[in-house]
Protein backbone atom coordinates (compact mmCIF):
# COMPACT_ATOMS: atom_id res chain seq x y z
CA PHE A 1 9.97 1.73 20.20
CA LEU A 2 11.63 3.20 17.47
CA ASP A 3 15.16 3.45 19.46
CA LYS A 4 14.81 0.12 20.40
CA LEU A 5 13.83 -0.58 17.38
CA ASP A 6 17.06 0.77 15.77
CA THR A 7 19.43 -0.17 18.60
CA LEU A 8 18.14 -4.00 17.13
CA ILE A 9 18.79 -2.70 13.61
CA GLU A 10 22.21 -1.52 14.44
CA GLU A 11 23.40 -4.85 16.30
CA THR A 12 21.81 -7.61 13.41
CA TYR A 13 24.38 -4.74 10.67
CA LEU A 14 26.86 -5.62 13.16
CA ILE A 15 26.50 -8.90 13.64
CA LEU A 16 26.33 -10.17 9.10
CA LEU A 17 28.39 -7.17 8.33
CA ARG A 18 31.69 -8.64 9.40
CA PRO A 19 33.99 -10.19 7.16
CA ASP A 20 36.02 -12.42 8.48
CA THR A 21 38.04 -13.30 5.06
CA VAL A 22 38.07 -11.36 1.79
CA VAL A 23 35.98 -13.76 -0.29
CA ASP A 24 33.78 -12.83 2.87
CA GLY A 25 33.67 -8.95 2.09
CA LEU A 26 33.18 -10.19 -1.53
CA ILE A 27 29.87 -11.76 -1.03
CA ILE A 28 28.68 -9.48 1.89
CA ILE A 29 29.82 -6.92 -1.26
CA PHE A 30 27.81 -8.93 -3.84
CA VAL A 31 24.59 -9.74 -1.03
CA VAL A 32 24.29 -5.81 -0.10
CA SER A 33 25.32 -4.26 -2.39
CA ILE A 34 24.02 -6.46 -6.06
CA VAL A 35 20.88 -7.91 -5.17
CA PRO A 36 18.82 -4.92 -3.33
CA ALA A 37 20.21 -2.51 -5.58
CA MET A 38 19.28 -5.38 -8.63
CA SER A 39 15.61 -6.40 -7.09
CA GLU A 40 14.95 -3.71 -5.51
CA GLU A 41 15.02 -1.48 -8.51
CA VAL A 42 13.08 -4.22 -10.31
CA PHE A 43 10.01 -4.27 -7.89
CA PHE A 44 9.69 -0.89 -6.54
CA ARG A 45 10.59 1.19 -9.84
CA GLY A 46 10.04 -1.64 -12.57
CA PHE A 47 6.62 -2.95 -11.15
CA ILE A 48 5.10 -0.34 -8.59
CA GLN A 49 5.95 2.93 -10.67
CA ARG A 50 4.89 1.37 -13.56
CA SER A 51 2.43 0.65 -12.33
CA PHE A 52 1.22 3.71 -10.38
CA GLU A 53 2.35 5.92 -13.87
CA LEU A 54 -0.72 4.48 -15.69
CA ARG A 55 -3.12 5.52 -13.64
CA TYR A 56 -1.70 9.30 -12.11
CA ARG A 57 0.86 11.42 -13.09
CA PRO A 58 4.14 10.29 -13.43
CA ILE A 59 5.06 12.85 -9.71
CA LEU A 60 2.79 11.15 -8.06
CA ALA A 61 3.68 7.90 -8.89
CA ILE A 62 6.86 8.83 -7.58
CA VAL A 63 5.92 10.62 -4.54
CA MET A 64 3.86 6.80 -3.04
CA THR A 65 6.57 4.76 -5.20
CA SER A 66 8.99 6.32 -2.69
CA ALA A 67 7.01 6.36 0.12
CA PHE A 68 6.59 2.68 -0.52
CA PHE A 69 10.43 1.95 -0.80
CA ALA A 70 10.98 4.05 2.61
CA ALA A 71 8.73 2.30 4.69
CA TYR A 72 9.71 -1.03 3.61
CA HIS A 73 13.59 -0.27 5.05
CA PHE A 74 11.98 -0.44 8.07
CA ASN A 75 14.61 2.10 9.59
CA PRO A 76 12.50 4.76 11.61
CA TYR A 77 14.94 7.78 11.80
CA GLY A 78 16.03 6.49 8.15
CA MET A 79 12.43 7.31 6.72
CA ILE A 80 12.90 10.43 5.21
CA PRO A 81 16.45 9.89 3.10
CA LEU A 82 14.60 6.99 2.10
CA PHE A 83 12.29 8.77 0.87
CA ILE A 84 14.89 10.99 -0.69
CA LEU A 85 16.64 7.98 -2.13
CA GLY A 86 13.56 6.64 -3.74
CA MET A 87 12.32 10.17 -5.02
CA TYR A 88 16.03 10.86 -7.01
CA LEU A 89 15.64 6.65 -8.38
CA GLY A 90 12.43 6.96 -9.50
CA PHE A 91 13.30 10.71 -10.88
CA ALA A 92 16.04 8.47 -12.86
CA VAL A 93 14.03 5.84 -13.82
CA TYR A 94 11.43 8.61 -15.62
CA THR A 95 13.71 10.65 -17.42
CA THR A 96 15.20 8.00 -18.52
CA ASN A 97 13.03 5.11 -19.09
CA SER A 98 15.27 2.99 -18.42
CA ILE A 99 15.56 0.72 -14.96
CA PHE A 100 19.17 0.31 -15.70
CA ILE A 101 20.25 3.70 -14.53
CA ALA A 102 18.12 3.04 -10.96
CA VAL A 103 20.11 -0.08 -10.31
CA ILE A 104 23.47 1.13 -11.45
CA LEU A 105 22.50 4.18 -8.74
CA HIS A 106 21.21 1.99 -5.73
CA PHE A 107 24.24 -0.10 -5.94
CA ILE A 108 26.06 2.91 -6.08
CA ASN A 109 24.85 3.98 -2.44
CA ASN A 110 24.80 0.31 -0.95
CA LEU A 111 28.25 -0.27 -2.26
CA THR A 112 29.31 3.37 -0.49
CA ALA A 113 27.63 2.74 2.96
CA ILE A 114 29.61 -1.22 3.01
CA LEU A 115 32.71 0.27 2.10
CA ALA A 116 32.69 3.01 4.67
CA PHE A 117 31.80 0.33 7.24
CA PHE A 118 34.47 -1.95 5.76
CA ILE A 119 36.73 1.18 5.59
CA PHE A 120 36.36 2.65 8.84
CA GLY A 121 34.85 0.26 11.17
CA GLU A 122 32.41 -1.35 13.70
CA GLU A 123 33.51 1.12 16.27
CA GLU A 124 33.61 4.48 13.32
CA PHE A 125 29.88 3.00 12.51
CA VAL A 126 28.13 3.43 16.31
CA ASN A 127 29.98 6.56 16.67
CA THR A 128 28.13 8.01 13.55
CA ALA A 129 25.07 6.54 14.38
CA LEU A 130 25.07 8.03 17.38
CA SER A 131 26.69 11.56 17.57
CA GLY A 132 27.48 12.16 14.29
CA ASP A 133 30.31 14.55 14.83
CA SER A 134 33.48 12.65 13.84
CA PHE A 135 36.08 13.65 10.66
CA SER A 136 34.82 9.95 9.21
CA THR A 137 31.34 11.49 9.43
CA HIS A 138 32.45 15.09 7.46
CA LEU A 139 34.09 12.90 4.87
CA MET A 140 32.19 10.33 3.77
CA SER A 141 29.18 13.20 4.22
CA PHE A 142 30.79 14.78 2.17
CA PHE A 143 31.71 12.48 -0.37
CA LEU A 144 28.13 11.26 -0.24
CA LEU A 145 26.17 15.20 -1.48
CA LEU A 146 29.37 15.41 -3.83
CA LEU A 147 28.35 12.07 -6.18
CA VAL A 148 23.80 13.08 -5.67
CA PHE A 149 24.75 16.84 -6.44
CA LEU A 150 27.17 15.97 -9.35
CA SER A 151 24.31 12.70 -9.91
CA VAL A 152 21.70 15.51 -10.03
CA ILE A 153 23.64 17.91 -12.60
CA TYR A 154 24.54 14.91 -15.43
CA PHE A 155 20.13 14.22 -14.94
CA ILE A 156 19.03 17.94 -15.27
CA ALA A 157 21.91 19.12 -17.99
CA LYS A 158 21.53 15.79 -20.16
CA TYR A 159 17.26 15.11 -20.27
CA HIS A 160 16.18 19.07 -19.67
CA ASP A 161 14.14 18.65 -22.53
CA SER A 162 11.75 16.01 -21.30
CA LEU A 163 11.09 17.44 -18.07
CA VAL A 164 10.53 20.60 -19.35
CA LYS A 165 7.64 19.32 -22.45
CA GLU A 166 5.76 18.05 -19.57
């Protein structure tokens, strides 16, 4: 069942993400990068996480919100990475006390994914999903991990005092 669902999701992405013109590409970037970043962050971190923070400790609120965030995306094999991304975004909102940073980070995540698709193409997208051993896969993984690593270092350095107080 999960394999069929994953295949259906991949096929849908391949159909929806094919730009015929530059304008189509810009519309896809807007719809895939900007709109979800703003709407999902307002809903998950702005509404759900803040509501949970009123009742539970912040870390539990972040964990529960991350679980909802991962489940919301209906990606069976992406649940763990989506949960981790949700934790990261929740931590960013909690430490900065601003939803804006999560919107920016979410936008960067989505934009990186769509630009990788545009640059490497659908053949690479399908091969990456199936094999995961091509050079471009390793290159993209390296840059994404570097981005996450640098972001985590930045947040820890900048907000170290607020992390220690609780």
